[in-house]
Amino acid sequence: MTVGKGKRPRDPNQLAKWLVDSSTSEASPSTPLPSAPSLSAYMAAMGRKGGQIGGKRRLLTMTPAARKAAAAKAAQARWGMKAKKDK
C-alpha cells in the first residue's frame, strides 16, 4: 500500500507499521543546518527576503486602480471608526 504525503492508513495495524517505518527511516539532510544562534538570524533573513520579493512583485502586477483600492482599504482598517456594539 502506498501512502502519499500526509495521508495515513485507516487500519490500526497498517498505521502502526507506517509510523514505525517513517520514524526509523534514515534520511540524510541535504544541507547542514546552521548553529542555534545563527539559525534565528538565518530564518529572519529568509523572511525578509520573501517579504521584499512579495511586495515588489505584487506592486508590479497590480493596476493603479487596484493599488488605490488596497490603500483605501488599509487606511479604513487602520484609521476608520469601528461601530460600537450595544450590550
C-alpha atoms as a PDB file:
ATOM      1  CA  MET A   1       0.000   0.000   0.000  1.00  0.00           C
ATOM      2  CA  THR A   2       1.415   3.383  -0.997  1.00  0.00           C
ATOM      3  CA  VAL A   3       0.952   6.230   1.433  1.00  0.00           C
ATOM      4  CA  GLY A   4       1.063   9.723  -0.061  1.00  0.00           C
ATOM      5  CA  LYS A   5       2.076  12.973   1.570  1.00  0.00           C
ATOM      6  CA  GLY A   6       0.199  13.444   4.791  1.00  0.00           C
ATOM      7  CA  LYS A   7      -2.148  10.507   4.209  1.00  0.00           C
ATOM      8  CA  ARG A   8      -2.229   7.825   6.854  1.00  0.00           C
ATOM      9  CA  PRO A   9      -3.709   4.360   6.655  1.00  0.00           C
ATOM     10  CA  ARG A  10      -7.031   3.921   8.458  1.00  0.00           C
ATOM     11  CA  ASP A  11      -6.325   0.389   9.625  1.00  0.00           C
ATOM     12  CA  PRO A  12      -4.607   0.495  13.060  1.00  0.00           C
ATOM     13  CA  ASN A  13      -2.109  -2.247  12.141  1.00  0.00           C
ATOM     14  CA  GLN A  14      -1.122  -0.545   8.893  1.00  0.00           C
ATOM     15  CA  LEU A  15      -0.916   2.787  10.701  1.00  0.00           C
ATOM     16  CA  ALA A  16       1.434   1.304  13.301  1.00  0.00           C
ATOM     17  CA  LYS A  17       3.675  -0.120  10.579  1.00  0.00           C
ATOM     18  CA  TRP A  18       3.637   3.187   8.718  1.00  0.00           C
ATOM     19  CA  LEU A  19       4.610   5.110  11.894  1.00  0.00           C
ATOM     20  CA  VAL A  20       7.479   2.734  12.651  1.00  0.00           C
ATOM     21  CA  ASP A  21       8.716   2.860   9.052  1.00  0.00           C
ATOM     22  CA  SER A  22       8.556   6.652   8.888  1.00  0.00           C
ATOM     23  CA  SER A  23      10.212   7.171  12.269  1.00  0.00           C
ATOM     24  CA  THR A  24      13.033   4.689  11.715  1.00  0.00           C
ATOM     25  CA  SER A  25      13.849   5.577   8.134  1.00  0.00           C
ATOM     26  CA  GLU A  26      17.299   7.040   7.734  1.00  0.00           C
ATOM     27  CA  ALA A  27      17.178  10.344   5.949  1.00  0.00           C
ATOM     28  CA  SER A  28      20.358  12.334   5.495  1.00  0.00           C
ATOM     29  CA  PRO A  29      19.936  16.101   5.481  1.00  0.00           C
ATOM     30  CA  SER A  30      20.832  17.663   2.144  1.00  0.00           C
ATOM     31  CA  THR A  31      22.403  20.743   3.753  1.00  0.00           C
ATOM     32  CA  PRO A  32      23.640  21.058   7.314  1.00  0.00           C
ATOM     33  CA  LEU A  33      21.617  23.404   9.496  1.00  0.00           C
ATOM     34  CA  PRO A  34      23.337  26.447  10.967  1.00  0.00           C
ATOM     35  CA  SER A  35      24.104  26.506  14.678  1.00  0.00           C
ATOM     36  CA  ALA A  36      21.448  27.740  17.127  1.00  0.00           C
ATOM     37  CA  PRO A  37      22.475  31.442  17.423  1.00  0.00           C
ATOM     38  CA  SER A  38      22.874  31.881  13.685  1.00  0.00           C
ATOM     39  CA  LEU A  39      19.723  29.885  12.927  1.00  0.00           C
ATOM     40  CA  SER A  40      17.416  32.680  14.072  1.00  0.00           C
ATOM     41  CA  ALA A  41      19.396  35.222  12.041  1.00  0.00           C
ATOM     42  CA  TYR A  42      19.230  32.917   9.024  1.00  0.00           C
ATOM     43  CA  MET A  43      15.461  32.468   9.349  1.00  0.00           C
ATOM     44  CA  ALA A  44      14.968  36.217   9.809  1.00  0.00           C
ATOM     45  CA  ALA A  45      16.929  36.890   6.628  1.00  0.00           C
ATOM     46  CA  MET A  46      14.809  34.353   4.736  1.00  0.00           C
ATOM     47  CA  GLY A  47      11.615  36.024   5.972  1.00  0.00           C
ATOM     48  CA  ARG A  48      12.821  39.484   4.992  1.00  0.00           C
ATOM     49  CA  LYS A  49      13.799  38.262   1.540  1.00  0.00           C
ATOM     50  CA  GLY A  50      10.408  36.669   0.947  1.00  0.00           C
ATOM     51  CA  GLY A  51       8.587  39.749   2.163  1.00  0.00           C
ATOM     52  CA  GLN A  52      10.634  42.042  -0.033  1.00  0.00           C
ATOM     53  CA  ILE A  53      10.077  39.917  -3.124  1.00  0.00           C
ATOM     54  CA  GLY A  54       6.349  39.560  -2.425  1.00  0.00           C
ATOM     55  CA  GLY A  55       5.692  43.274  -2.075  1.00  0.00           C
ATOM     56  CA  LYS A  56       7.648  44.196  -5.186  1.00  0.00           C
ATOM     57  CA  ARG A  57       6.019  41.504  -7.281  1.00  0.00           C
ATOM     58  CA  ARG A  58       2.567  42.489  -6.029  1.00  0.00           C
ATOM     59  CA  LEU A  59       3.269  46.121  -6.900  1.00  0.00           C
ATOM     60  CA  LEU A  60       4.242  45.174 -10.448  1.00  0.00           C
ATOM     61  CA  THR A  61       1.138  43.073 -11.050  1.00  0.00           C
ATOM     62  CA  MET A  62      -1.446  45.472  -9.567  1.00  0.00           C
ATOM     63  CA  THR A  63      -3.139  48.136 -11.652  1.00  0.00           C
ATOM     64  CA  PRO A  64      -3.194  51.715 -10.353  1.00  0.00           C
ATOM     65  CA  ALA A  65      -6.899  51.346  -9.516  1.00  0.00           C
ATOM     66  CA  ALA A  66      -6.222  48.136  -7.574  1.00  0.00           C
ATOM     67  CA  ARG A  67      -3.381  49.809  -5.659  1.00  0.00           C
ATOM     68  CA  LYS A  68      -5.674  52.720  -4.788  1.00  0.00           C
ATOM     69  CA  ALA A  69      -8.404  50.345  -3.597  1.00  0.00           C
ATOM     70  CA  ALA A  70      -5.934  48.375  -1.462  1.00  0.00           C
ATOM     71  CA  ALA A  71      -4.560  51.581   0.064  1.00  0.00           C
ATOM     72  CA  ALA A  72      -8.064  52.844   0.836  1.00  0.00           C
ATOM     73  CA  LYS A  73      -8.989  49.534   2.462  1.00  0.00           C
ATOM     74  CA  ALA A  74      -5.801  49.576   4.550  1.00  0.00           C
ATOM     75  CA  ALA A  75      -6.418  53.177   5.644  1.00  0.00           C
ATOM     76  CA  GLN A  76     -10.012  52.355   6.585  1.00  0.00           C
ATOM     77  CA  ALA A  77      -8.864  49.347   8.610  1.00  0.00           C
ATOM     78  CA  ARG A  78      -6.244  51.382  10.410  1.00  0.00           C
ATOM     79  CA  TRP A  79      -7.914  54.732  10.904  1.00  0.00           C
ATOM     80  CA  GLY A  80     -11.636  54.068  10.409  1.00  0.00           C
ATOM     81  CA  MET A  81     -14.065  54.250  13.282  1.00  0.00           C
ATOM     82  CA  LYS A  82     -15.408  50.914  14.411  1.00  0.00           C
ATOM     83  CA  ALA A  83     -19.099  50.660  15.247  1.00  0.00           C
ATOM     84  CA  LYS A  84     -19.786  50.223  18.934  1.00  0.00           C
ATOM     85  CA  LYS A  85     -21.629  47.068  19.845  1.00  0.00           C
ATOM     86  CA  ASP A  86     -24.657  47.518  22.082  1.00  0.00           C
ATOM     87  CA  LYS A  87     -24.608  45.248  25.109  1.00  0.00           C
END
